[in-house]
Amino acid sequence: MIRLVLGHPDYYPKFGFDKASKWGIKAPFEVADEVFMALELRENSLDHVSGVVEYPSVFFD
């Protein structure tokens, strides 16, 4: 289980978020690497995870 956030790079790391790219996770749009972050809710839940996040189409309308 994970959480993803697009947010301020000085704020979210306080809560354990790290760059999603650390795990090979990418946004489906162009965004600075340091603001697209992930948080493991269970230890090692991001092992062997990578790819592009898929958002519902309403986000692009």
PDB file of N, CA and C in Angstrom:
ATOM      1  N   MET A   1       0.843  -1.180   0.000  1.00  0.00           N
ATOM      2  CA  MET A   1       0.000   0.000   0.000  1.00  0.00           C
ATOM      3  C   MET A   1       0.885   1.239   0.000  1.00  0.00           C
ATOM      4  N   ILE A   2       0.462   2.208  -0.802  1.00  0.00           N
ATOM      5  CA  ILE A   2       1.223   3.444  -0.904  1.00  0.00           C
ATOM      6  C   ILE A   2       0.294   4.651  -0.976  1.00  0.00           C
ATOM      7  N   ARG A   3       0.875   5.813  -0.772  1.00  0.00           N
ATOM      8  CA  ARG A   3       0.194   7.085  -0.986  1.00  0.00           C
ATOM      9  C   ARG A   3       1.085   7.887  -1.920  1.00  0.00           C
ATOM     10  N   LEU A   4       0.464   8.599  -2.842  1.00  0.00           N
ATOM     11  CA  LEU A   4       1.183   9.480  -3.752  1.00  0.00           C
ATOM     12  C   LEU A   4       0.704  10.897  -3.534  1.00  0.00           C
ATOM     13  N   VAL A   5       1.608  11.844  -3.705  1.00  0.00           N
ATOM     14  CA  VAL A   5       1.246  13.246  -3.544  1.00  0.00           C
ATOM     15  C   VAL A   5       2.048  14.093  -4.526  1.00  0.00           C
ATOM     16  N   LEU A   6       1.412  15.132  -5.000  1.00  0.00           N
ATOM     17  CA  LEU A   6       2.069  16.154  -5.795  1.00  0.00           C
ATOM     18  C   LEU A   6       2.071  17.372  -4.891  1.00  0.00           C
ATOM     19  N   GLY A   7       3.219  17.679  -4.299  1.00  0.00           N
ATOM     20  CA  GLY A   7       3.211  18.721  -3.291  1.00  0.00           C
ATOM     21  C   GLY A   7       4.562  19.349  -3.029  1.00  0.00           C
ATOM     22  N   HIS A   8       4.597  20.212  -2.056  1.00  0.00           N
ATOM     23  CA  HIS A   8       5.790  20.995  -1.729  1.00  0.00           C
ATOM     24  C   HIS A   8       6.923  20.093  -1.231  1.00  0.00           C
ATOM     25  N   PRO A   9       8.109  20.205  -1.850  1.00  0.00           N
ATOM     26  CA  PRO A   9       9.221  19.313  -1.511  1.00  0.00           C
ATOM     27  C   PRO A   9       9.824  19.528  -0.123  1.00  0.00           C
ATOM     28  N   ASP A  10       9.499  20.628   0.533  1.00  0.00           N
ATOM     29  CA  ASP A  10      10.004  20.844   1.894  1.00  0.00           C
ATOM     30  C   ASP A  10       8.995  20.417   2.959  1.00  0.00           C
ATOM     31  N   TYR A  11       7.754  20.222   2.567  1.00  0.00           N
ATOM     32  CA  TYR A  11       6.695  19.904   3.535  1.00  0.00           C
ATOM     33  C   TYR A  11       6.469  18.392   3.681  1.00  0.00           C
ATOM     34  N   TYR A  12       6.209  17.713   2.590  1.00  0.00           N
ATOM     35  CA  TYR A  12       5.803  16.308   2.659  1.00  0.00           C
ATOM     36  C   TYR A  12       6.882  15.334   3.141  1.00  0.00           C
ATOM     37  N   PRO A  13       8.160  15.574   2.890  1.00  0.00           N
ATOM     38  CA  PRO A  13       9.167  14.654   3.441  1.00  0.00           C
ATOM     39  C   PRO A  13       9.149  14.562   4.973  1.00  0.00           C
ATOM     40  N   LYS A  14       8.622  15.585   5.637  1.00  0.00           N
ATOM     41  CA  LYS A  14       8.492  15.537   7.102  1.00  0.00           C
ATOM     42  C   LYS A  14       7.637  14.364   7.557  1.00  0.00           C
ATOM     43  N   PHE A  15       6.759  13.909   6.657  1.00  0.00           N
ATOM     44  CA  PHE A  15       5.839  12.818   6.975  1.00  0.00           C
ATOM     45  C   PHE A  15       6.272  11.493   6.366  1.00  0.00           C
ATOM     46  N   GLY A  16       7.485  11.459   5.820  1.00  0.00           N
ATOM     47  CA  GLY A  16       8.027  10.219   5.284  1.00  0.00           C
ATOM     48  C   GLY A  16       7.957  10.068   3.781  1.00  0.00           C
ATOM     49  N   PHE A  17       7.390  11.050   3.080  1.00  0.00           N
ATOM     50  CA  PHE A  17       7.327  10.986   1.625  1.00  0.00           C
ATOM     51  C   PHE A  17       8.714  11.159   1.033  1.00  0.00           C
ATOM     52  N   ASP A  18       8.957  10.471  -0.075  1.00  0.00           N
ATOM     53  CA  ASP A  18      10.223  10.567  -0.799  1.00  0.00           C
ATOM     54  C   ASP A  18       9.892  10.638  -2.288  1.00  0.00           C
ATOM     55  N   LYS A  19      10.834  11.043  -3.094  1.00  0.00           N
ATOM     56  CA  LYS A  19      10.610  11.124  -4.540  1.00  0.00           C
ATOM     57  C   LYS A  19      10.095   9.791  -5.066  1.00  0.00           C
ATOM     58  N   ALA A  20       9.013   9.825  -5.804  1.00  0.00           N
ATOM     59  CA  ALA A  20       8.435   8.607  -6.378  1.00  0.00           C
ATOM     60  C   ALA A  20       9.408   7.954  -7.355  1.00  0.00           C
ATOM     61  N   SER A  21      10.244   8.753  -7.962  1.00  0.00           N
ATOM     62  CA  SER A  21      11.225   8.216  -8.910  1.00  0.00           C
ATOM     63  C   SER A  21      12.205   7.255  -8.242  1.00  0.00           C
ATOM     64  N   LYS A  22      12.330   7.354  -6.940  1.00  0.00           N
ATOM     65  CA  LYS A  22      13.184   6.425  -6.184  1.00  0.00           C
ATOM     66  C   LYS A  22      12.756   4.983  -6.440  1.00  0.00           C
ATOM     67  N   TRP A  23      11.465   4.793  -6.698  1.00  0.00           N
ATOM     68  CA  TRP A  23      10.913   3.462  -6.956  1.00  0.00           C
ATOM     69  C   TRP A  23      10.562   3.261  -8.426  1.00  0.00           C
ATOM     70  N   GLY A  24      10.927   4.218  -9.280  1.00  0.00           N
ATOM     71  CA  GLY A  24      10.610   4.102 -10.699  1.00  0.00           C
ATOM     72  C   GLY A  24       9.168   4.445 -11.021  1.00  0.00           C
ATOM     73  N   ILE A  25       8.527   5.211 -10.147  1.00  0.00           N
ATOM     74  CA  ILE A  25       7.140   5.624 -10.347  1.00  0.00           C
ATOM     75  C   ILE A  25       7.138   7.014 -10.974  1.00  0.00           C
ATOM     76  N   LYS A  26       6.371   7.171 -12.062  1.00  0.00           N
ATOM     77  CA  LYS A  26       6.340   8.435 -12.797  1.00  0.00           C
ATOM     78  C   LYS A  26       4.911   8.956 -12.904  1.00  0.00           C
ATOM     79  N   ALA A  27       4.800  10.275 -13.010  1.00  0.00           N
ATOM     80  CA  ALA A  27       3.503  10.915 -13.242  1.00  0.00           C
ATOM     81  C   ALA A  27       3.158  10.809 -14.726  1.00  0.00           C
ATOM     82  N   PRO A  28       1.872  10.853 -15.069  1.00  0.00           N
ATOM     83  CA  PRO A  28       1.467  10.776 -16.475  1.00  0.00           C
ATOM     84  C   PRO A  28       1.558  12.125 -17.197  1.00  0.00           C
ATOM     85  N   PHE A  29       2.142  13.098 -16.537  1.00  0.00           N
ATOM     86  CA  PHE A  29       2.309  14.434 -17.097  1.00  0.00           C
ATOM     87  C   PHE A  29       3.652  14.959 -16.625  1.00  0.00           C
ATOM     88  N   GLU A  30       4.118  16.003 -17.264  1.00  0.00           N
ATOM     89  CA  GLU A  30       5.418  16.545 -16.895  1.00  0.00           C
ATOM     90  C   GLU A  30       5.330  17.276 -15.557  1.00  0.00           C
ATOM     91  N   VAL A  31       6.196  16.878 -14.650  1.00  0.00           N
ATOM     92  CA  VAL A  31       6.222  17.471 -13.317  1.00  0.00           C
ATOM     93  C   VAL A  31       7.644  17.326 -12.763  1.00  0.00           C
ATOM     94  N   ALA A  32       8.058  18.299 -11.971  1.00  0.00           N
ATOM     95  CA  ALA A  32       9.389  18.242 -11.367  1.00  0.00           C
ATOM     96  C   ALA A  32       9.512  17.007 -10.467  1.00  0.00           C
ATOM     97  N   ASP A  33      10.624  16.339 -10.574  1.00  0.00           N
ATOM     98  CA  ASP A  33      10.866  15.102  -9.830  1.00  0.00           C
ATOM     99  C   ASP A  33      10.694  15.280  -8.317  1.00  0.00           C
ATOM    100  N   GLU A  34      11.130  16.425  -7.793  1.00  0.00           N
ATOM    101  CA  GLU A  34      11.104  16.615  -6.341  1.00  0.00           C
ATOM    102  C   GLU A  34       9.725  16.891  -5.762  1.00  0.00           C
ATOM    103  N   VAL A  35       8.705  17.108  -6.601  1.00  0.00           N
ATOM    104  CA  VAL A  35       7.364  17.380  -6.075  1.00  0.00           C
ATOM    105  C   VAL A  35       6.391  16.207  -6.230  1.00  0.00           C
ATOM    106  N   PHE A  36       6.784  15.169  -6.943  1.00  0.00           N
ATOM    107  CA  PHE A  36       5.943  13.981  -7.105  1.00  0.00           C
ATOM    108  C   PHE A  36       6.499  12.910  -6.177  1.00  0.00           C
ATOM    109  N   MET A  37       5.790  12.658  -5.082  1.00  0.00           N
ATOM    110  CA  MET A  37       6.336  11.831  -4.000  1.00  0.00           C
ATOM    111  C   MET A  37       5.440  10.655  -3.648  1.00  0.00           C
ATOM    112  N   ALA A  38       6.050   9.666  -3.041  1.00  0.00           N
ATOM    113  CA  ALA A  38       5.340   8.465  -2.606  1.00  0.00           C
ATOM    114  C   ALA A  38       5.692   8.170  -1.149  1.00  0.00           C
ATOM    115  N   LEU A  39       4.788   7.452  -0.505  1.00  0.00           N
ATOM    116  CA  LEU A  39       4.976   7.032   0.882  1.00  0.00           C
ATOM    117  C   LEU A  39       4.523   5.587   1.001  1.00  0.00           C
ATOM    118  N   GLU A  40       5.400   4.728   1.491  1.00  0.00           N
ATOM    119  CA  GLU A  40       5.025   3.330   1.743  1.00  0.00           C
ATOM    120  C   GLU A  40       4.197   3.268   3.026  1.00  0.00           C
ATOM    121  N   LEU A  41       3.011   2.714   2.946  1.00  0.00           N
ATOM    122  CA  LEU A  41       2.188   2.554   4.143  1.00  0.00           C
ATOM    123  C   LEU A  41       2.492   1.239   4.843  1.00  0.00           C
ATOM    124  N   ARG A  42       3.071   0.334   4.090  1.00  0.00           N
ATOM    125  CA  ARG A  42       3.584  -0.926   4.643  1.00  0.00           C
ATOM    126  C   ARG A  42       5.014  -1.069   4.182  1.00  0.00           C
ATOM    127  N   GLU A  43       5.881  -1.472   5.065  1.00  0.00           N
ATOM    128  CA  GLU A  43       7.287  -1.639   4.735  1.00  0.00           C
ATOM    129  C   GLU A  43       7.460  -2.544   3.513  1.00  0.00           C
ATOM    130  N   ASN A  44       8.288  -2.103   2.592  1.00  0.00           N
ATOM    131  CA  ASN A  44       8.629  -2.836   1.361  1.00  0.00           C
ATOM    132  C   ASN A  44       7.456  -2.978   0.393  1.00  0.00           C
ATOM    133  N   SER A  45       6.393  -2.201   0.567  1.00  0.00           N
ATOM    134  CA  SER A  45       5.249  -2.324  -0.339  1.00  0.00           C
ATOM    135  C   SER A  45       5.557  -1.788  -1.738  1.00  0.00           C
ATOM    136  N   LEU A  46       6.635  -1.044  -1.881  1.00  0.00           N
ATOM    137  CA  LEU A  46       7.011  -0.537  -3.194  1.00  0.00           C
ATOM    138  C   LEU A  46       8.125  -1.356  -3.850  1.00  0.00           C
ATOM    139  N   ASP A  47       8.531  -2.434  -3.211  1.00  0.00           N
ATOM    140  CA  ASP A  47       9.512  -3.321  -3.844  1.00  0.00           C
ATOM    141  C   ASP A  47       8.911  -3.871  -5.126  1.00  0.00           C
ATOM    142  N   HIS A  48       9.664  -3.829  -6.191  1.00  0.00           N
ATOM    143  CA  HIS A  48       9.247  -4.367  -7.487  1.00  0.00           C
ATOM    144  C   HIS A  48       8.066  -3.600  -8.095  1.00  0.00           C
ATOM    145  N   VAL A  49       7.878  -2.345  -7.694  1.00  0.00           N
ATOM    146  CA  VAL A  49       6.824  -1.502  -8.262  1.00  0.00           C
ATOM    147  C   VAL A  49       7.502  -0.435  -9.120  1.00  0.00           C
ATOM    148  N   SER A  50       6.958  -0.195 -10.290  1.00  0.00           N
ATOM    149  CA  SER A  50       7.437   0.889 -11.141  1.00  0.00           C
ATOM    150  C   SER A  50       6.379   1.145 -12.206  1.00  0.00           C
ATOM    151  N   GLY A  51       6.503   2.263 -12.895  1.00  0.00           N
ATOM    152  CA  GLY A  51       5.584   2.551 -13.978  1.00  0.00           C
ATOM    153  C   GLY A  51       5.006   3.945 -13.886  1.00  0.00           C
ATOM    154  N   VAL A  52       4.028   4.193 -14.739  1.00  0.00           N
ATOM    155  CA  VAL A  52       3.369   5.493 -14.817  1.00  0.00           C
ATOM    156  C   VAL A  52       2.030   5.402 -14.089  1.00  0.00           C
ATOM    157  N   VAL A  53       1.777   6.351 -13.215  1.00  0.00           N
ATOM    158  CA  VAL A  53       0.515   6.407 -12.470  1.00  0.00           C
ATOM    159  C   VAL A  53      -0.619   6.696 -13.447  1.00  0.00           C
ATOM    160  N   GLU A  54      -1.723   6.021 -13.288  1.00  0.00           N
ATOM    161  CA  GLU A  54      -2.872   6.219 -14.158  1.00  0.00           C
ATOM    162  C   GLU A  54      -3.963   6.962 -13.393  1.00  0.00           C
ATOM    163  N   TYR A  55      -4.292   8.157 -13.867  1.00  0.00           N
ATOM    164  CA  TYR A  55      -5.338   8.970 -13.265  1.00  0.00           C
ATOM    165  C   TYR A  55      -6.639   8.785 -14.048  1.00  0.00           C
ATOM    166  N   PRO A  56      -7.791   8.936 -13.410  1.00  0.00           N
ATOM    167  CA  PRO A  56      -9.069   8.909 -14.137  1.00  0.00           C
ATOM    168  C   PRO A  56      -9.099  10.047 -15.168  1.00  0.00           C
ATOM    169  N   SER A  57      -9.808   9.858 -16.245  1.00  0.00           N
ATOM    170  CA  SER A  57      -9.847  10.838 -17.336  1.00  0.00           C
ATOM    171  C   SER A  57     -10.356  12.215 -16.905  1.00  0.00           C
ATOM    172  N   VAL A  58     -11.161  12.272 -15.855  1.00  0.00           N
ATOM    173  CA  VAL A  58     -11.692  13.551 -15.388  1.00  0.00           C
ATOM    174  C   VAL A  58     -10.571  14.518 -14.986  1.00  0.00           C
ATOM    175  N   PHE A  59      -9.419  14.014 -14.593  1.00  0.00           N
ATOM    176  CA  PHE A  59      -8.298  14.870 -14.224  1.00  0.00           C
ATOM    177  C   PHE A  59      -7.735  15.617 -15.432  1.00  0.00           C
ATOM    178  N   PHE A  60      -8.025  15.150 -16.622  1.00  0.00           N
ATOM    179  CA  PHE A  60      -7.473  15.743 -17.820  1.00  0.00           C
ATOM    180  C   PHE A  60      -8.500  16.541 -18.611  1.00  0.00           C
ATOM    181  N   ASP A  61      -9.736  16.597 -18.135  1.00  0.00           N
ATOM    182  CA  ASP A  61     -10.801  17.343 -18.831  1.00  0.00           C
ATOM    183  C   ASP A  61     -10.765  18.814 -18.499  1.00  0.00           C
TER     184      ASP A  61
END
